[in-house]
Amino acid sequence: MKQSVLFLCTGNSCRSQMAEGFTRQLHTERFAAYSAGTAPQGLNPLAVRAMAEKGIDISANESTHVRDLLHKEFDYVITVCDSAAESCPVFPGKATVLHHGFEDPPKLARHAQPEEEAMVHYRRVRDEIERFVRELPRFLTDSAQQRQAK
């Protein structure tokens, strides 16, 4: 039985979409991955490009509001930005809410010109998210052990 994981950020345009994409590719047998935002802004085209460079197509993904998923039971809700961590809604059922924040590529690239300069930020954060998702099973195990120790 797959565990369900929701990656939550503010816009559901970049970081949470990347985390969902990597999870679907790297842990397809173990996790059912979803993403949402507290204030969805639509899919970021530079995030789509950055993921395509890794062979992952997220171009058909939609930017989803977290309220549209509150009916679904998740095993884990992982906030990937500080703002979403602060405004994360209460999820019904057994969802364990965890936080692992990443910098916001659109904010980092706000003044970057040309687009290639902006992509430096998207690639760096994408690669950080990939490393995190590769270690996701260990992160979840370590988090559970820390909660039990409290």
Protein backbone atom coordinates (compact mmCIF):
# COMPACT_ATOMS: atom_id res chain seq x y z
CA MET A 1 0.00 0.00 0.00
CA LYS A 2 1.45 3.35 -1.05
CA GLN A 3 1.73 6.15 1.46
CA SER A 4 0.23 9.44 0.32
CA VAL A 5 2.36 12.57 0.46
CA LEU A 6 1.20 16.13 -0.17
CA PHE A 7 3.85 18.75 -0.89
CA LEU A 8 2.52 22.15 0.07
CA CYS A 9 3.81 25.62 -0.77
CA THR A 10 2.25 28.99 -1.31
CA GLY A 11 1.78 29.19 -5.09
CA ASN A 12 1.95 25.52 -6.10
CA SER A 13 3.83 26.82 -9.10
CA CYS A 14 7.40 25.66 -8.55
CA ARG A 15 8.81 23.96 -5.42
CA SER A 16 5.87 21.72 -4.54
CA GLN A 17 5.44 20.81 -8.22
CA MET A 18 9.11 19.83 -8.43
CA ALA A 19 8.85 17.73 -5.26
CA GLU A 20 5.76 15.97 -6.59
CA GLY A 21 7.48 15.29 -9.93
CA PHE A 22 10.61 13.86 -8.35
CA THR A 23 8.59 11.72 -5.93
CA ARG A 24 6.51 10.28 -8.73
CA GLN A 25 9.67 9.41 -10.65
CA LEU A 26 11.92 8.20 -7.84
CA HIS A 27 9.47 6.55 -5.44
CA THR A 28 6.58 5.47 -7.63
CA GLU A 29 6.18 2.15 -5.81
CA ARG A 30 6.23 3.63 -2.30
CA PHE A 31 4.43 6.99 -2.45
CA ALA A 32 1.38 8.53 -4.09
CA ALA A 33 2.52 12.15 -4.53
CA TYR A 34 0.40 15.28 -4.71
CA SER A 35 1.07 19.01 -4.53
CA ALA A 36 -1.00 22.05 -3.66
CA GLY A 37 -0.72 25.67 -2.64
CA THR A 38 -2.27 27.97 -0.08
CA ALA A 39 -2.64 30.62 -2.84
CA PRO A 40 -2.13 28.87 -6.22
CA GLN A 41 -0.56 30.96 -8.96
CA GLY A 42 -0.38 28.60 -11.93
CA LEU A 43 2.49 26.47 -13.11
CA ASN A 44 5.79 28.34 -13.52
CA PRO A 45 7.23 27.80 -17.04
CA LEU A 46 10.82 27.97 -15.78
CA ALA A 47 10.05 25.22 -13.25
CA VAL A 48 8.66 23.15 -16.12
CA ARG A 49 11.86 23.79 -18.08
CA ALA A 50 14.11 22.94 -15.12
CA MET A 51 12.31 19.64 -14.55
CA ALA A 52 12.38 18.79 -18.27
CA GLU A 53 16.16 19.09 -18.09
CA LYS A 54 15.99 16.14 -15.64
CA GLY A 55 13.67 14.19 -17.92
CA ILE A 56 10.54 14.88 -15.87
CA ASP A 57 7.54 16.39 -17.62
CA ILE A 58 5.34 18.42 -15.27
CA SER A 59 3.87 20.57 -18.05
CA ALA A 60 0.40 19.02 -17.70
CA ASN A 61 0.29 19.55 -13.91
CA GLU A 62 -2.23 22.00 -12.55
CA SER A 63 -1.84 24.48 -9.74
CA THR A 64 -4.21 23.19 -7.04
CA HIS A 65 -5.58 24.97 -3.98
CA VAL A 66 -5.05 23.04 -0.76
CA ARG A 67 -8.75 23.41 0.13
CA ASP A 68 -9.53 21.20 -2.90
CA LEU A 69 -7.63 18.35 -1.22
CA LEU A 70 -8.84 18.69 2.38
CA HIS A 71 -11.27 15.80 1.80
CA LYS A 72 -8.36 13.46 1.03
CA GLU A 73 -6.50 11.63 3.76
CA PHE A 74 -2.75 11.99 3.56
CA ASP A 75 -0.12 10.10 5.46
CA TYR A 76 2.23 13.08 5.22
CA VAL A 77 1.92 16.76 4.42
CA ILE A 78 5.32 18.33 3.78
CA THR A 79 5.50 22.09 3.59
CA VAL A 80 8.32 23.22 1.31
CA CYS A 81 8.18 26.95 2.04
CA ASP A 82 8.04 28.90 5.29
CA SER A 83 4.84 30.73 4.38
CA ALA A 84 2.96 27.49 3.77
CA ALA A 85 4.31 26.09 7.04
CA GLU A 86 2.88 29.08 8.89
CA SER A 87 -0.53 28.88 7.21
CA CYS A 88 -0.85 25.12 6.81
CA PRO A 89 -4.44 24.07 7.44
CA VAL A 90 -5.39 21.23 9.74
CA PHE A 91 -5.79 18.02 7.81
CA PRO A 92 -8.37 15.47 8.88
CA GLY A 93 -7.27 11.99 9.83
CA LYS A 94 -3.77 10.83 10.49
CA ALA A 95 -1.69 13.26 8.39
CA THR A 96 1.72 13.98 9.84
CA VAL A 97 2.70 17.55 8.96
CA LEU A 98 6.43 18.15 8.46
CA HIS A 99 8.48 21.05 7.14
CA HIS A 100 11.50 21.12 4.87
CA GLY A 101 11.84 24.56 3.32
CA PHE A 102 13.51 25.60 0.10
CA GLU A 103 14.27 29.05 -1.28
CA ASP A 104 11.81 30.45 -3.81
CA PRO A 105 13.31 30.37 -7.35
CA PRO A 106 10.99 33.07 -8.76
CA LYS A 107 11.97 35.38 -5.92
CA LEU A 108 15.66 34.59 -6.32
CA ALA A 109 15.46 35.19 -10.08
CA ARG A 110 13.28 38.30 -9.85
CA HIS A 111 15.95 40.62 -11.32
CA ALA A 112 17.78 38.05 -13.43
CA GLN A 113 18.23 38.86 -17.11
CA PRO A 114 18.34 37.02 -19.48
CA GLU A 115 16.30 33.89 -18.79
CA GLU A 116 19.48 31.76 -18.62
CA GLU A 117 20.58 33.78 -15.60
CA ALA A 118 17.23 33.05 -13.94
CA MET A 119 17.61 29.33 -14.67
CA VAL A 120 20.68 29.18 -12.42
CA HIS A 121 18.38 29.69 -9.41
CA TYR A 122 15.75 27.23 -10.65
CA ARG A 123 18.36 24.55 -11.27
CA ARG A 124 19.97 24.98 -7.85
CA VAL A 125 16.69 24.72 -5.97
CA ARG A 126 15.54 21.88 -8.25
CA ASP A 127 18.69 19.94 -7.41
CA GLU A 128 18.19 20.58 -3.68
CA ILE A 129 14.64 19.27 -3.95
CA GLU A 130 15.85 16.22 -5.87
CA ARG A 131 18.37 15.41 -3.12
CA PHE A 132 15.65 15.81 -0.49
CA VAL A 133 13.21 13.58 -2.37
CA ARG A 134 15.88 10.90 -2.91
CA GLU A 135 16.26 10.83 0.89
CA LEU A 136 12.52 11.12 1.57
CA PRO A 137 12.11 7.66 3.11
CA ARG A 138 14.96 8.37 5.54
CA PHE A 139 13.60 11.87 6.29
CA LEU A 140 10.21 10.40 7.18
CA THR A 141 11.77 7.67 9.34
CA ASP A 142 14.02 10.17 11.14
CA SER A 143 11.07 12.51 11.69
CA ALA A 144 8.99 9.66 13.17
CA GLN A 145 11.82 8.70 15.51
CA GLN A 146 12.20 12.31 16.64
CA ARG A 147 8.46 12.56 17.36
CA GLN A 148 8.54 9.31 19.36
CA ALA A 149 11.51 10.52 21.38
CA LYS A 150 9.59 13.63 22.52
